[in-house]
Structure formats: C-alpha cells, structure tokens
Amino acid sequence: MIKVAFAIIITSMPHWPSVKYQGYLYPDMETCLVSTEMYVEQFRAYADSQGDYNAHFDSMCFETESYPIDAFGGPQQGIGFNA
C-alpha cells in the first residue's frame, strides 16, 4: 500500500439546492495543498468574472492508503534518492 492525498473542493452559492464538489487525487500532501489552493483561486476568479460574488469555496486535503497507482510512477530515482 502507498499513501496518497485526496482533495475535495466544495462550492456553495445562495439559492442553490445543494453544494457542488470536486475531488482530486495527488501523490503527496504538499502537492495536494498547493494545487488545491491554486484551484480555489482560479474558481473564485472565474465566479467573480461571471458576477457570482457570493460564491463560497472550501477545500480540504487528507491522506489515505491506496494500492500503487501506475499514473504516479515508480520509486523516485536520482540525486538524493539513493539511485
């Protein structure tokens, strides 16, 4: 098993019947936190450009275990990774 980070970004607006959410998977917590912050900034800028100034965005990252994921590649090799 490997550790992966999962992000959830939740969007809500006045008069919506529910919240909207999106999930993203990352190879580590640091990448999750940085990427999620960038996504929220982009979503907020887009909402503002559409006149949706009351849009509320919230995000969270958490670690979980997973079987290895091919898209994340194998063990890192190179300087500093005991290649």
C-alpha atoms as a PDB file:
ATOM      1  CA  MET A   1       0.000   0.000   0.000  1.00  0.00           C
ATOM      2  CA  ILE A   2       1.063   3.591  -0.609  1.00  0.00           C
ATOM      3  CA  LYS A   3      -0.073   6.868   0.887  1.00  0.00           C
ATOM      4  CA  VAL A   4      -1.874   9.287  -1.401  1.00  0.00           C
ATOM      5  CA  ALA A   5      -3.536  12.643  -0.762  1.00  0.00           C
ATOM      6  CA  PHE A   6      -7.108  13.357  -1.756  1.00  0.00           C
ATOM      7  CA  ALA A   7      -8.567  16.846  -2.110  1.00  0.00           C
ATOM      8  CA  ILE A   8     -12.193  17.867  -2.015  1.00  0.00           C
ATOM      9  CA  ILE A   9     -13.237  21.341  -3.138  1.00  0.00           C
ATOM     10  CA  ILE A  10     -16.760  22.334  -2.132  1.00  0.00           C
ATOM     11  CA  THR A  11     -18.655  25.208  -3.752  1.00  0.00           C
ATOM     12  CA  SER A  12     -21.861  26.747  -2.492  1.00  0.00           C
ATOM     13  CA  MET A  13     -23.984  29.683  -3.604  1.00  0.00           C
ATOM     14  CA  PRO A  14     -27.111  31.306  -2.221  1.00  0.00           C
ATOM     15  CA  HIS A  15     -30.271  29.652  -3.556  1.00  0.00           C
ATOM     16  CA  TRP A  16     -28.526  26.538  -4.860  1.00  0.00           C
ATOM     17  CA  PRO A  17     -30.410  23.354  -3.954  1.00  0.00           C
ATOM     18  CA  SER A  18     -27.166  21.736  -2.744  1.00  0.00           C
ATOM     19  CA  VAL A  19     -23.395  22.104  -2.765  1.00  0.00           C
ATOM     20  CA  LYS A  20     -21.161  21.124  -5.670  1.00  0.00           C
ATOM     21  CA  TYR A  21     -17.952  19.255  -5.055  1.00  0.00           C
ATOM     22  CA  GLN A  22     -14.944  18.045  -6.978  1.00  0.00           C
ATOM     23  CA  GLY A  23     -12.311  15.553  -5.927  1.00  0.00           C
ATOM     24  CA  TYR A  24      -8.669  15.321  -6.946  1.00  0.00           C
ATOM     25  CA  LEU A  25      -6.021  12.696  -6.205  1.00  0.00           C
ATOM     26  CA  TYR A  26      -2.362  13.622  -5.559  1.00  0.00           C
ATOM     27  CA  PRO A  27       0.802  11.625  -4.856  1.00  0.00           C
ATOM     28  CA  ASP A  28       1.558  13.573  -1.634  1.00  0.00           C
ATOM     29  CA  MET A  29       0.072  16.069   0.825  1.00  0.00           C
ATOM     30  CA  GLU A  30       2.286  19.012  -0.173  1.00  0.00           C
ATOM     31  CA  THR A  31       1.218  18.787  -3.829  1.00  0.00           C
ATOM     32  CA  CYS A  32      -2.393  18.478  -2.722  1.00  0.00           C
ATOM     33  CA  LEU A  33      -2.287  21.611  -0.572  1.00  0.00           C
ATOM     34  CA  VAL A  34      -0.524  23.758  -3.183  1.00  0.00           C
ATOM     35  CA  SER A  35      -2.690  22.577  -6.080  1.00  0.00           C
ATOM     36  CA  THR A  36      -5.934  22.900  -4.158  1.00  0.00           C
ATOM     37  CA  GLU A  37      -5.110  26.489  -3.197  1.00  0.00           C
ATOM     38  CA  MET A  38      -4.457  27.304  -6.867  1.00  0.00           C
ATOM     39  CA  TYR A  39      -7.720  25.648  -7.954  1.00  0.00           C
ATOM     40  CA  VAL A  40      -9.745  27.602  -5.387  1.00  0.00           C
ATOM     41  CA  GLU A  41      -8.155  30.873  -6.542  1.00  0.00           C
ATOM     42  CA  GLN A  42      -8.987  30.025 -10.174  1.00  0.00           C
ATOM     43  CA  PHE A  43     -12.559  29.018  -9.308  1.00  0.00           C
ATOM     44  CA  ARG A  44     -13.054  32.228  -7.308  1.00  0.00           C
ATOM     45  CA  ALA A  45     -11.672  34.385 -10.151  1.00  0.00           C
ATOM     46  CA  TYR A  46     -13.977  32.660 -12.641  1.00  0.00           C
ATOM     47  CA  ALA A  47     -17.014  33.096 -10.372  1.00  0.00           C
ATOM     48  CA  ASP A  48     -16.187  36.788  -9.942  1.00  0.00           C
ATOM     49  CA  SER A  49     -15.818  37.200 -13.717  1.00  0.00           C
ATOM     50  CA  GLN A  50     -19.344  35.769 -14.080  1.00  0.00           C
ATOM     51  CA  GLY A  51     -20.735  38.143 -11.443  1.00  0.00           C
ATOM     52  CA  ASP A  52     -21.124  35.384  -8.839  1.00  0.00           C
ATOM     53  CA  TYR A  53     -19.552  37.358  -5.988  1.00  0.00           C
ATOM     54  CA  ASN A  54     -21.357  35.330  -3.312  1.00  0.00           C
ATOM     55  CA  ALA A  55     -19.784  32.002  -4.305  1.00  0.00           C
ATOM     56  CA  HIS A  56     -18.179  30.271  -1.330  1.00  0.00           C
ATOM     57  CA  PHE A  57     -15.338  27.802  -1.775  1.00  0.00           C
ATOM     58  CA  ASP A  58     -13.887  25.468   0.820  1.00  0.00           C
ATOM     59  CA  SER A  59     -11.254  22.794   0.373  1.00  0.00           C
ATOM     60  CA  MET A  60      -9.527  20.108   2.351  1.00  0.00           C
ATOM     61  CA  CYS A  61      -6.793  17.555   1.767  1.00  0.00           C
ATOM     62  CA  PHE A  62      -6.430  14.281   3.600  1.00  0.00           C
ATOM     63  CA  GLU A  63      -4.159  11.252   3.364  1.00  0.00           C
ATOM     64  CA  THR A  64      -5.354   7.763   2.745  1.00  0.00           C
ATOM     65  CA  GLU A  65      -3.824   4.462   1.717  1.00  0.00           C
ATOM     66  CA  SER A  66      -4.147   3.036  -1.749  1.00  0.00           C
ATOM     67  CA  TYR A  67      -2.796   0.270  -3.847  1.00  0.00           C
ATOM     68  CA  PRO A  68       0.005   1.555  -6.120  1.00  0.00           C
ATOM     69  CA  ILE A  69      -1.238   3.817  -8.912  1.00  0.00           C
ATOM     70  CA  ASP A  70       0.599   3.473 -12.236  1.00  0.00           C
ATOM     71  CA  ALA A  71      -0.044   7.110 -13.170  1.00  0.00           C
ATOM     72  CA  PHE A  72       2.055   8.227 -10.180  1.00  0.00           C
ATOM     73  CA  GLY A  73       5.120   6.344 -11.495  1.00  0.00           C
ATOM     74  CA  GLY A  74       7.530   4.157  -9.584  1.00  0.00           C
ATOM     75  CA  PRO A  75      10.009   4.931  -6.856  1.00  0.00           C
ATOM     76  CA  GLN A  76      11.880   8.193  -7.416  1.00  0.00           C
ATOM     77  CA  GLN A  77      15.469   7.859  -8.508  1.00  0.00           C
ATOM     78  CA  GLY A  78      18.241  10.376  -8.860  1.00  0.00           C
ATOM     79  CA  ILE A  79      20.304  12.703  -6.684  1.00  0.00           C
ATOM     80  CA  GLY A  80      19.111  12.467  -3.112  1.00  0.00           C
ATOM     81  CA  PHE A  81      17.079   9.297  -3.706  1.00  0.00           C
ATOM     82  CA  ASN A  82      19.869   6.715  -3.330  1.00  0.00           C
ATOM     83  CA  ALA A  83      19.894   5.904  -7.038  1.00  0.00           C
END
